[in-house]
Structures are given as structure tokens and as C-alpha cells.
Amino acid sequence: MVLNYIWISFFIIAFLVALAKTFQGDYEIFSLVVNSIFERAELGFKLSLGLTGIMALWLGIMRIGEKGGAINILSRIFAPLFNKLFPEIPKNSKAHGSIIMNISANMLGLDNAATPLGLKAMGDLQKHNPDKTKASNAQILFLVLNTSGLTLIPTSIIALRATAMAENNIIGNPTDIFIPILIATYCSTLAGLIFVSIIQKINLFQKEVLAYLGTATALIVGLIWYLAIHKDQIEIISSIVSGAFIFGFIISFILLGIRSKINIYNEFIEGAKDGFTVAVKIIPYLIAMLCAIGAFTTSGAMLFIINGIESFFSLFLTDTRFVDALPTAIMKPLSGGGARGMMVESWGQNAAQINSFVGRLTSTLQGSTETTFYVLAVYFGSVGIKNTRYAIVAGLFADLVGVIAAIAVAYLFWG
């Protein structure tokens, strides 16, 4: 429903702004807006088609990992941590397994698997909820961890960047946003966990929790420290690490498949079929949002908003380049498709700005935040929760920290 209002507003505001400009003597504005709508429709179709091959490849690889037991391995690794974070849930409850499976799927970029696993986890948690219409502490923490989800491989963003670069013969590394997104999502996840833990009085200083969080934090801080003192090598390091990590994942999934004695080739084919389905499903959503955003931007309405935000930040900041990327951050909690459209829009005509500071920052922002309102509506709605308590505030707080972290990391990497 929210997305419906946003989409309609884009067109109505664009029309009103264009009308005002016409009265001011700009007699070509309506033609420019209409041309922009048609151009964005064509762009959305091309991007979606280009996405097909990459999504087929990655979902095929993910299918091998899934059948080979990658998610089960992650589940066993993180079980001690989640037992402490969800004290209200009995240790022998199926909810623990469902939670770990969902978060593991999110970390690996298994979107298709993550949603049904998340709904199952919410249903399992509901069995331990004494008030069936009011969100329990465990359900709120699970939801916040889900919406702030730590991402190891931002599959769809890398795929979109790779497609745009290939379509327009742009030289560059589409995976160079891998480390920034990893750092930003970790900050978001940690912030959401601390926020909820304070309210729920969860002791984060338990040895099991400290062992996991301490190790992860040390690795992230160490990575930031190393990159900070080797700024001249950031692009090279990012390229090597991201490429080696992603290719290493592919090899490890294949090895897991060999160990599990599955038919690796057939499993890849089955997963790749889903890639085509996903890409086709994206077409109408991407075209709808790109057309609305195209009209909104070409009319001058977006520039008016950005100039206003920039004027505010310029009162106390000298570098306000990040402001041009904020529309993506603002849109993401409301609509993943809308934010995706904003991201593509920031890349400019023929993706000429995809490797610019703003182009990379919008890609990082797209991967560092979540469609919080959508996740809350779907997950809580699936079990009949009406009173969400502080879940929205906690989720948005985690998103805000993710946005701030993404901006800071962008200046570190590409500043």
C-alpha cells in the first residue's frame, strides 16, 4: 500500500512541477518528461534481460551449496550464539534451527530460500509466544537481525552492476562494493542487536556471545585499520579480496557437493532455471519504478529535494557529495524495487557514473539497508501479530546506522 502511494506521488508531483515550469517559460519540459518515461522503460527491460545470465549462474552455484549442506554447516557454527540471544526459546525448540537457517540463507544471498525459511522461523517462534497478537521479545530480535542482515555476498547488486557495465562497455570491477557492504551491514547488524539487547536486557557479555561478536568485530576493525593506512592500495586490495572470496565460495560449494555425492551439474541446472524466473519477475517492477523515478527526476522535483538536503548539510559540512545518494537510502526501507530504481538512476545515462563516488555509494547503500516495512508486514502478518511494539523503531535504527556506515566507508574507499 505504501509503495502504491509513493508510485502515484512520483507521477503527480512530476506533473505539477512540469506544469509550474511551463508557466515559467519552459515549454519543452513535458516532452522531456515523456521521453524520459519511455527511455526508462527500455532501460528497465534491458537491465532485466542482462540480469538473466548472471542470476542463472549465481543461483545455480547457490543450489549446489544448498544441497551440499552449506546452510547446515553455518547453522551448526552459529548455534551456541543464538542459544544465548534467544533465552526465552527452549534449547530443543525447532525455532533455533529455523532462525539460523534463515539468517544463514541471507548471509549467502539465498533470497528465494531466506523468505520461506524466515516465515517458518516466525511461525516456530509464535508457538512460544504467550500473547498471539503481540510480538514477543524473540520475534522482535529475530526480525531486527533479519532486516539488518549481515551480507557476505550482495548477489543482486553485483549482478546489476555487471550487467550495466557489460551493456555499456564500461571497464571496471562490479564487485568493488563487496567489502564496503560487508562492513556497513556488520555495523547495522551490531547496532540492531545492541539496541534490542538493551531493551530486552540481554547480556552481551556472556562468553559465548563475546567470542562471536569479539572475533567478528576484531576482523572488521582490523580490515578498516589496514585499509586506512594503505589508502593508495584500497582499490587493488578490494579487487583481489572480493574476487578471491567470491571465487573461493564457488569452489567451496563445489567441494561440498562432491563430499555430499550430489549430481553437481544437474543441481546447477535446476538452480539456474530459477535465475531465469527471478529475472523475468523483476521486469515489471523495475520498469514501473524506473518510469516513475524518470518522470520525477526529469521534471526537476528530485533536484529540488536534493538541493534542499544539500543546503542543510552544507551549513556544517564542506563535502556534501553523499547527498546525491540519499534518495536510495530513504527509499530502501519502503521499497526494494524503488531503491533499486534510484540506484540505477544515480548511475546516469548509459551508466556513465556507475564507478563514480555517488554511483558506488548508492550501490553500497542498496546493500546496506533492508525493506524494513515490507519485512515487518510480511513476517508479522504471517502469524497474525498486530502489536509490533518497538520492532519498527529498532529496524529503522539499524537501517540508519547502516546508512551512516555506508557513507563513512564510501569516503574511506573512494573519497
Protein backbone atom coordinates (compact mmCIF):
# COMPACT_ATOMS: atom_id res chain seq x y z
CA MET A 1 0.00 0.00 0.00
CA VAL A 2 2.83 2.41 0.87
CA LEU A 3 4.54 1.68 -2.44
CA ASN A 4 1.29 2.39 -4.27
CA TYR A 5 1.14 5.89 -2.74
CA ILE A 6 4.82 6.54 -3.48
CA TRP A 7 4.45 5.49 -7.13
CA ILE A 8 1.37 7.67 -7.66
CA SER A 9 3.04 10.60 -5.87
CA PHE A 10 6.05 10.48 -8.18
CA PHE A 11 3.85 10.99 -11.24
CA ILE A 12 1.54 13.60 -9.71
CA ILE A 13 4.40 15.67 -8.28
CA ALA A 14 6.29 15.40 -11.58
CA PHE A 15 3.20 16.67 -13.43
CA LEU A 16 2.70 19.60 -11.06
CA VAL A 17 6.37 20.61 -11.21
CA ALA A 18 6.39 20.34 -15.01
CA LEU A 19 3.21 22.43 -15.15
CA ALA A 20 4.80 25.11 -12.98
CA LYS A 21 7.89 25.14 -15.21
CA THR A 22 5.68 25.53 -18.29
CA PHE A 23 4.12 28.66 -16.84
CA GLN A 24 7.66 29.90 -16.19
CA GLY A 25 8.53 29.56 -19.87
CA ASP A 26 9.97 26.03 -20.10
CA TYR A 27 7.77 24.78 -22.95
CA GLU A 28 9.75 21.60 -23.60
CA ILE A 29 9.54 20.14 -20.11
CA PHE A 30 6.53 17.87 -20.77
CA SER A 31 8.20 16.41 -23.87
CA LEU A 32 11.35 15.76 -21.86
CA VAL A 33 9.38 14.02 -19.11
CA VAL A 34 7.51 11.80 -21.59
CA ASN A 35 10.73 10.90 -23.42
CA SER A 36 12.32 10.07 -20.08
CA ILE A 37 9.48 7.67 -19.22
CA PHE A 38 9.91 5.76 -22.49
CA GLU A 39 13.70 5.69 -22.14
CA ARG A 40 13.44 4.32 -18.60
CA ALA A 41 11.03 1.61 -19.75
CA GLU A 42 13.55 0.46 -22.35
CA LEU A 43 16.38 0.65 -19.79
CA GLY A 44 14.43 -1.47 -17.29
CA PHE A 45 13.83 -4.17 -19.90
CA LYS A 46 17.49 -4.25 -20.98
CA LEU A 47 18.76 -4.45 -17.40
CA SER A 48 16.36 -7.25 -16.54
CA LEU A 49 17.37 -9.29 -19.60
CA GLY A 50 21.05 -8.74 -18.87
CA LEU A 51 20.42 -9.88 -15.32
CA THR A 52 19.15 -13.27 -16.52
CA GLY A 53 22.53 -14.84 -17.25
CA ILE A 54 24.20 -13.63 -14.07
CA MET A 55 21.28 -14.64 -11.83
CA ALA A 56 21.13 -18.04 -13.52
CA LEU A 57 24.85 -18.54 -12.85
CA TRP A 58 24.71 -17.47 -9.21
CA LEU A 59 21.50 -19.28 -8.29
CA GLY A 60 22.94 -22.40 -9.91
CA ILE A 61 26.02 -22.13 -7.69
CA MET A 62 23.85 -21.43 -4.63
CA ARG A 63 21.76 -24.51 -5.37
CA ILE A 64 24.93 -26.63 -5.25
CA GLY A 65 25.86 -25.08 -1.90
CA GLU A 66 22.38 -25.52 -0.50
CA LYS A 67 22.18 -29.20 -1.49
CA GLY A 68 25.76 -29.73 -0.40
CA GLY A 69 24.95 -28.63 3.14
CA ALA A 70 26.37 -25.08 3.29
CA ILE A 71 23.41 -23.75 5.29
CA ASN A 72 23.52 -26.69 7.69
CA ILE A 73 27.21 -26.07 8.33
CA LEU A 74 26.55 -22.41 9.12
CA SER A 75 23.68 -23.46 11.37
CA ARG A 76 25.98 -25.63 13.46
CA ILE A 77 28.61 -22.89 13.65
CA PHE A 78 26.22 -20.24 14.99
CA ALA A 79 24.05 -22.41 17.25
CA PRO A 80 25.86 -21.51 20.53
CA LEU A 81 25.43 -17.78 19.83
CA PHE A 82 21.71 -17.93 19.07
CA ASN A 83 21.01 -20.07 22.10
CA LYS A 84 22.19 -17.14 24.23
CA LEU A 85 20.47 -14.40 22.24
CA PHE A 86 17.07 -16.10 22.45
CA PRO A 87 16.85 -17.18 26.12
CA GLU A 88 13.03 -17.39 26.03
CA ILE A 89 13.15 -20.18 23.47
CA PRO A 90 13.87 -23.71 24.76
CA LYS A 91 17.17 -25.13 23.51
CA ASN A 92 15.41 -28.11 21.94
CA SER A 93 12.94 -25.91 20.03
CA LYS A 94 12.81 -26.14 16.24
CA ALA A 95 12.78 -22.33 16.22
CA HIS A 96 16.55 -22.19 16.77
CA GLY A 97 17.22 -24.20 13.64
CA SER A 98 14.77 -22.13 11.58
CA ILE A 99 16.31 -18.85 12.76
CA ILE A 100 19.85 -19.95 11.98
CA MET A 101 18.81 -21.36 8.60
CA ASN A 102 17.10 -18.08 7.65
CA ILE A 103 20.00 -15.86 8.69
CA SER A 104 22.50 -18.22 7.04
CA ALA A 105 20.49 -18.07 3.81
CA ASN A 106 20.50 -14.25 3.97
CA MET A 107 24.26 -14.18 4.53
CA LEU A 108 24.78 -16.36 1.46
CA GLY A 109 22.40 -14.31 -0.67
CA LEU A 110 19.82 -17.09 -0.98
CA ASP A 111 16.85 -14.74 -1.20
CA ASN A 112 14.48 -17.39 -2.53
CA ALA A 113 15.32 -19.70 0.38
CA ALA A 114 15.54 -16.93 3.01
CA THR A 115 11.92 -15.76 2.81
CA PRO A 116 10.18 -19.14 3.32
CA LEU A 117 12.75 -20.01 6.00
CA GLY A 118 12.04 -16.69 7.70
CA LEU A 119 8.30 -17.28 7.66
CA LYS A 120 8.85 -20.75 9.12
CA ALA A 121 11.07 -19.30 11.85
CA MET A 122 8.43 -16.70 12.73
CA GLY A 123 5.82 -19.46 12.92
CA ASP A 124 8.05 -21.56 15.20
CA LEU A 125 8.65 -18.55 17.45
CA GLN A 126 4.91 -17.90 17.58
CA LYS A 127 4.44 -21.30 19.24
CA HIS A 128 6.37 -19.96 22.26
CA ASN A 129 4.58 -16.59 22.26
CA PRO A 130 2.12 -16.30 25.20
CA ASP A 131 0.27 -13.38 23.56
CA LYS A 132 -0.53 -14.40 19.99
CA THR A 133 -1.33 -10.85 18.81
CA LYS A 134 1.67 -9.14 20.42
CA ALA A 135 5.25 -9.55 19.19
CA SER A 136 7.44 -11.44 21.65
CA ASN A 137 11.00 -10.42 22.52
CA ALA A 138 12.36 -13.30 20.46
CA GLN A 139 10.28 -12.35 17.41
CA ILE A 140 11.43 -8.73 17.59
CA LEU A 141 15.11 -9.66 17.85
CA PHE A 142 14.78 -12.15 15.01
CA LEU A 143 13.10 -9.54 12.82
CA VAL A 144 15.75 -6.89 13.55
CA LEU A 145 18.57 -9.33 12.81
CA ASN A 146 16.74 -10.20 9.60
CA THR A 147 16.21 -6.61 8.43
CA SER A 148 19.74 -5.53 9.32
CA GLY A 149 21.11 -8.77 7.88
CA LEU A 150 24.85 -9.18 7.53
CA THR A 151 25.55 -9.84 3.85
CA LEU A 152 28.54 -11.86 2.72
CA ILE A 153 27.67 -11.81 -0.98
CA PRO A 154 25.43 -8.98 -2.37
CA THR A 155 24.40 -11.07 -5.36
CA SER A 156 21.72 -8.89 -6.99
CA ILE A 157 23.73 -5.65 -6.71
CA ILE A 158 26.85 -7.21 -8.20
CA ALA A 159 24.69 -8.68 -10.96
CA LEU A 160 23.08 -5.32 -11.79
CA ARG A 161 26.45 -3.55 -11.82
CA ALA A 162 27.98 -6.25 -14.02
CA THR A 163 25.04 -6.08 -16.43
CA ALA A 164 25.14 -2.27 -16.69
CA MET A 165 28.90 -2.33 -17.30
CA ALA A 166 28.64 -5.03 -19.96
CA GLU A 167 25.71 -3.31 -21.70
CA ASN A 168 27.63 -0.03 -21.95
CA ASN A 169 31.18 -1.37 -22.42
CA ILE A 170 32.38 0.16 -19.16
CA ILE A 171 35.67 -1.08 -17.76
CA GLY A 172 35.65 -1.73 -14.01
CA ASN A 173 35.12 -4.24 -11.24
CA PRO A 174 31.43 -4.78 -10.44
CA THR A 175 32.39 -6.47 -7.15
CA ASP A 176 34.31 -3.49 -5.73
CA ILE A 177 31.37 -2.74 -3.42
CA PHE A 178 31.73 -6.16 -1.75
CA ILE A 179 33.92 -5.11 1.21
CA PRO A 180 32.08 -1.78 1.84
CA ILE A 181 28.73 -3.60 2.00
CA LEU A 182 30.20 -6.26 4.30
CA ILE A 183 31.46 -3.57 6.71
CA ALA A 184 28.26 -1.47 6.58
CA THR A 185 25.92 -4.43 7.11
CA TYR A 186 28.01 -5.62 10.03
CA CYS A 187 27.67 -2.19 11.66
CA SER A 188 23.93 -2.25 11.01
CA THR A 189 23.52 -5.74 12.46
CA LEU A 190 25.61 -4.92 15.54
CA ALA A 191 23.64 -1.70 16.14
CA GLY A 192 20.30 -3.51 15.86
CA LEU A 193 21.50 -6.24 18.22
CA ILE A 194 22.72 -3.73 20.83
CA PHE A 195 19.50 -1.67 20.57
CA VAL A 196 17.27 -4.69 21.18
CA SER A 197 19.59 -6.17 23.82
CA ILE A 198 19.39 -3.01 25.90
CA ILE A 199 15.59 -3.06 25.86
CA GLN A 200 15.32 -6.82 26.44
CA LYS A 201 18.18 -6.84 28.98
CA ILE A 202 20.12 -9.49 27.08
CA ASN A 203 23.65 -9.84 28.45
CA LEU A 204 26.00 -9.41 25.51
CA PHE A 205 28.99 -10.00 27.80
CA GLN A 206 28.36 -13.73 28.08
CA LYS A 207 31.48 -15.60 26.98
CA GLU A 208 29.72 -17.30 24.06
CA VAL A 209 28.36 -14.01 22.75
CA LEU A 210 31.65 -12.16 23.29
CA ALA A 211 33.53 -14.90 21.47
CA TYR A 212 31.43 -14.47 18.32
CA LEU A 213 30.97 -10.70 18.39
CA GLY A 214 34.52 -10.06 19.54
CA THR A 215 36.01 -12.13 16.74
CA ALA A 216 33.79 -10.55 14.08
CA THR A 217 34.40 -7.03 15.38
CA ALA A 218 38.15 -7.59 15.55
CA LEU A 219 38.18 -8.78 11.93
CA ILE A 220 36.13 -5.79 10.72
CA VAL A 221 38.17 -3.26 12.73
CA GLY A 222 41.39 -4.87 11.54
CA LEU A 223 40.20 -4.67 7.94
CA ILE A 224 39.26 -0.98 8.30
CA TRP A 225 42.58 -0.20 10.05
CA TYR A 226 44.61 -1.93 7.36
CA LEU A 227 42.74 -0.19 4.55
CA ALA A 228 43.02 3.19 6.31
CA ILE A 229 46.84 3.01 6.35
CA HIS A 230 47.01 1.63 2.81
CA LYS A 231 44.58 4.03 1.12
CA ASP A 232 46.62 4.06 -2.07
CA GLN A 233 46.09 0.29 -2.38
CA ILE A 234 42.40 0.12 -1.44
CA GLU A 235 41.14 -0.46 -4.97
CA ILE A 236 43.70 -3.21 -5.62
CA ILE A 237 43.09 -4.89 -2.24
CA SER A 238 39.30 -4.69 -2.66
CA SER A 239 39.52 -6.19 -6.15
CA ILE A 240 41.77 -9.07 -5.04
CA VAL A 241 39.84 -9.87 -1.84
CA SER A 242 36.38 -9.64 -3.37
CA GLY A 243 37.34 -11.74 -6.37
CA ALA A 244 39.17 -14.36 -4.29
CA PHE A 245 36.37 -14.53 -1.71
CA ILE A 246 33.57 -14.99 -4.24
CA PHE A 247 35.53 -17.50 -6.35
CA GLY A 248 36.52 -19.27 -3.13
CA PHE A 249 32.83 -19.58 -2.25
CA ILE A 250 32.12 -21.14 -5.63
CA ILE A 251 34.94 -23.67 -5.20
CA SER A 252 33.89 -24.48 -1.62
CA PHE A 253 30.30 -25.12 -2.74
CA ILE A 254 31.52 -27.43 -5.48
CA LEU A 255 33.70 -29.29 -2.96
CA LEU A 256 30.72 -29.59 -0.60
CA GLY A 257 28.73 -31.02 -3.46
CA ILE A 258 31.46 -33.58 -4.16
CA ARG A 259 31.58 -34.55 -0.48
CA SER A 260 27.79 -34.94 -0.36
CA LYS A 261 27.89 -37.03 -3.55
CA ILE A 262 25.21 -34.99 -5.31
CA ASN A 263 24.96 -34.57 -9.07
CA ILE A 264 26.61 -31.15 -9.15
CA TYR A 265 25.89 -30.40 -12.80
CA ASN A 266 22.18 -31.27 -12.52
CA GLU A 267 21.80 -29.25 -9.31
CA PHE A 268 23.42 -26.26 -11.02
CA ILE A 269 20.99 -26.54 -13.93
CA GLU A 270 18.00 -26.70 -11.57
CA GLY A 271 19.19 -23.61 -9.72
CA ALA A 272 19.97 -21.77 -12.95
CA LYS A 273 16.37 -22.28 -14.08
CA ASP A 274 15.27 -20.24 -11.06
CA GLY A 275 17.62 -17.46 -12.19
CA PHE A 276 15.64 -17.02 -15.38
CA THR A 277 12.36 -16.96 -13.43
CA VAL A 278 13.67 -14.36 -10.98
CA ALA A 279 14.96 -12.10 -13.76
CA VAL A 280 11.64 -12.22 -15.63
CA LYS A 281 9.68 -11.46 -12.45
CA ILE A 282 11.79 -8.35 -11.87
CA ILE A 283 10.92 -6.79 -15.27
CA PRO A 284 7.51 -5.19 -14.46
CA TYR A 285 8.65 -3.96 -11.02
CA LEU A 286 11.87 -2.44 -12.32
CA ILE A 287 10.15 -0.78 -15.31
CA ALA A 288 7.36 0.61 -13.09
CA MET A 289 9.77 2.24 -10.64
CA LEU A 290 12.26 3.44 -13.26
CA CYS A 291 9.48 5.16 -15.24
CA ALA A 292 8.10 6.88 -12.14
CA ILE A 293 11.56 7.92 -10.99
CA GLY A 294 12.44 9.09 -14.51
CA ALA A 295 9.41 11.40 -14.59
CA PHE A 296 10.12 12.62 -11.06
CA THR A 297 13.78 13.32 -11.83
CA THR A 298 13.39 14.88 -15.28
CA SER A 299 10.67 17.24 -14.07
CA GLY A 300 13.15 18.74 -11.60
CA ALA A 301 11.35 17.57 -8.45
CA MET A 302 14.25 15.35 -7.36
CA LEU A 303 16.77 18.15 -7.87
CA PHE A 304 14.65 20.43 -5.70
CA ILE A 305 14.69 17.89 -2.84
CA ILE A 306 18.41 17.15 -3.18
CA ASN A 307 19.27 20.86 -3.24
CA GLY A 308 17.26 21.33 -0.05
CA ILE A 309 19.05 18.48 1.73
CA GLU A 310 22.41 19.67 0.41
CA SER A 311 21.76 23.21 1.67
CA PHE A 312 21.04 21.80 5.14
CA PHE A 313 24.21 19.70 5.32
CA SER A 314 26.36 22.47 3.81
CA LEU A 315 25.69 24.52 6.94
CA PHE A 316 28.14 22.32 8.86
CA LEU A 317 29.87 20.13 6.22
CA THR A 318 32.21 21.06 3.38
CA ASP A 319 31.82 17.82 1.39
CA THR A 320 28.19 17.06 0.56
CA ARG A 321 28.65 14.66 -2.35
CA PHE A 322 26.89 11.91 -0.39
CA VAL A 323 23.60 13.83 -0.55
CA ASP A 324 23.04 12.76 -4.18
CA ALA A 325 22.90 9.13 -2.97
CA LEU A 326 20.44 9.71 -0.11
CA PRO A 327 17.27 9.12 -2.21
CA THR A 328 18.30 5.44 -2.45
CA ALA A 329 18.75 5.25 1.33
CA ILE A 330 15.42 6.98 2.00
CA MET A 331 13.54 4.72 -0.41
CA LYS A 332 15.02 1.36 0.68
CA PRO A 333 13.04 0.83 3.93
CA LEU A 334 9.85 1.45 1.93
CA SER A 335 10.56 -0.39 -1.30
CA GLY A 336 13.39 -2.58 -2.53
CA GLY A 337 12.29 -2.03 -6.14
CA GLY A 338 12.08 1.72 -5.64
CA ALA A 339 15.56 1.85 -4.11
CA ARG A 340 16.88 -0.31 -6.94
CA GLY A 341 15.43 2.18 -9.40
CA MET A 342 17.02 5.09 -7.52
CA MET A 343 20.36 3.30 -7.59
CA VAL A 344 20.20 2.70 -11.34
CA GLU A 345 19.12 6.32 -11.86
CA SER A 346 22.21 7.54 -9.99
CA TRP A 347 24.42 5.70 -12.46
CA GLY A 348 23.37 8.22 -15.11
CA GLN A 349 22.72 7.91 -18.82
CA ASN A 350 24.31 4.73 -20.22
CA ALA A 351 25.63 4.01 -16.69
CA ALA A 352 28.36 6.61 -17.24
CA GLN A 353 28.53 7.37 -13.49
CA ILE A 354 28.43 3.78 -12.22
CA ASN A 355 32.04 3.97 -10.99
CA SER A 356 31.74 7.50 -9.64
CA PHE A 357 31.64 8.20 -5.90
CA VAL A 358 27.85 8.55 -5.95
CA GLY A 359 27.37 5.53 -8.21
CA ARG A 360 29.35 3.32 -5.87
CA LEU A 361 27.78 4.83 -2.74
CA THR A 362 24.22 4.15 -3.95
CA SER A 363 25.24 0.56 -4.68
CA THR A 364 26.63 0.27 -1.15
CA LEU A 365 23.52 1.87 0.37
CA GLN A 366 21.30 -0.53 -1.57
CA GLY A 367 23.14 -3.44 0.01
CA SER A 368 23.48 -1.93 3.50
CA THR A 369 19.81 -1.43 4.33
CA GLU A 370 16.65 -3.52 4.11
CA THR A 371 12.99 -3.17 3.11
CA THR A 372 12.07 -2.88 6.79
CA PHE A 373 8.37 -2.06 6.42
CA TYR A 374 7.83 -4.87 3.92
CA VAL A 375 9.61 -7.45 6.10
CA LEU A 376 7.63 -6.38 9.17
CA ALA A 377 4.34 -6.56 7.30
CA VAL A 378 5.01 -9.99 5.76
CA TYR A 379 6.63 -11.70 8.73
CA PHE A 380 4.31 -10.41 11.46
CA GLY A 381 1.29 -10.66 9.19
CA SER A 382 2.00 -14.34 8.54
CA VAL A 383 1.40 -15.17 12.23
CA GLY A 384 -1.30 -12.59 13.00
CA ILE A 385 0.83 -10.18 15.07
CA LYS A 386 -0.94 -6.82 15.42
CA ASN A 387 1.09 -5.15 18.18
CA THR A 388 4.67 -4.91 16.85
CA ARG A 389 5.88 -2.97 19.92
CA TYR A 390 9.28 -1.34 19.18
CA ALA A 391 10.18 -3.53 16.19
CA ILE A 392 9.84 -0.73 13.62
CA VAL A 393 11.94 1.70 15.66
CA ALA A 394 14.66 -0.92 16.18
CA GLY A 395 14.65 -1.88 12.50
CA LEU A 396 14.87 1.73 11.31
CA PHE A 397 17.62 2.47 13.83
CA ALA A 398 19.66 -0.40 12.38
CA ASP A 399 18.97 0.96 8.88
CA LEU A 400 20.15 4.44 9.93
CA VAL A 401 23.40 3.05 11.31
CA GLY A 402 23.84 1.10 8.07
CA VAL A 403 23.41 4.29 6.04
CA ILE A 404 25.92 6.23 8.16
CA ALA A 405 28.40 3.34 8.00
CA ALA A 406 27.96 3.05 4.21
CA ILE A 407 28.69 6.77 3.74
CA ALA A 408 31.75 6.60 6.02
CA VAL A 409 33.12 3.51 4.26
CA ALA A 410 32.49 5.10 0.84
CA TYR A 411 34.67 8.06 1.78
CA LEU A 412 37.35 5.64 3.04
CA PHE A 413 37.34 3.63 -0.18
CA TRP A 414 36.55 6.19 -2.88
CA GLY A 415 36.65 9.54 -1.05
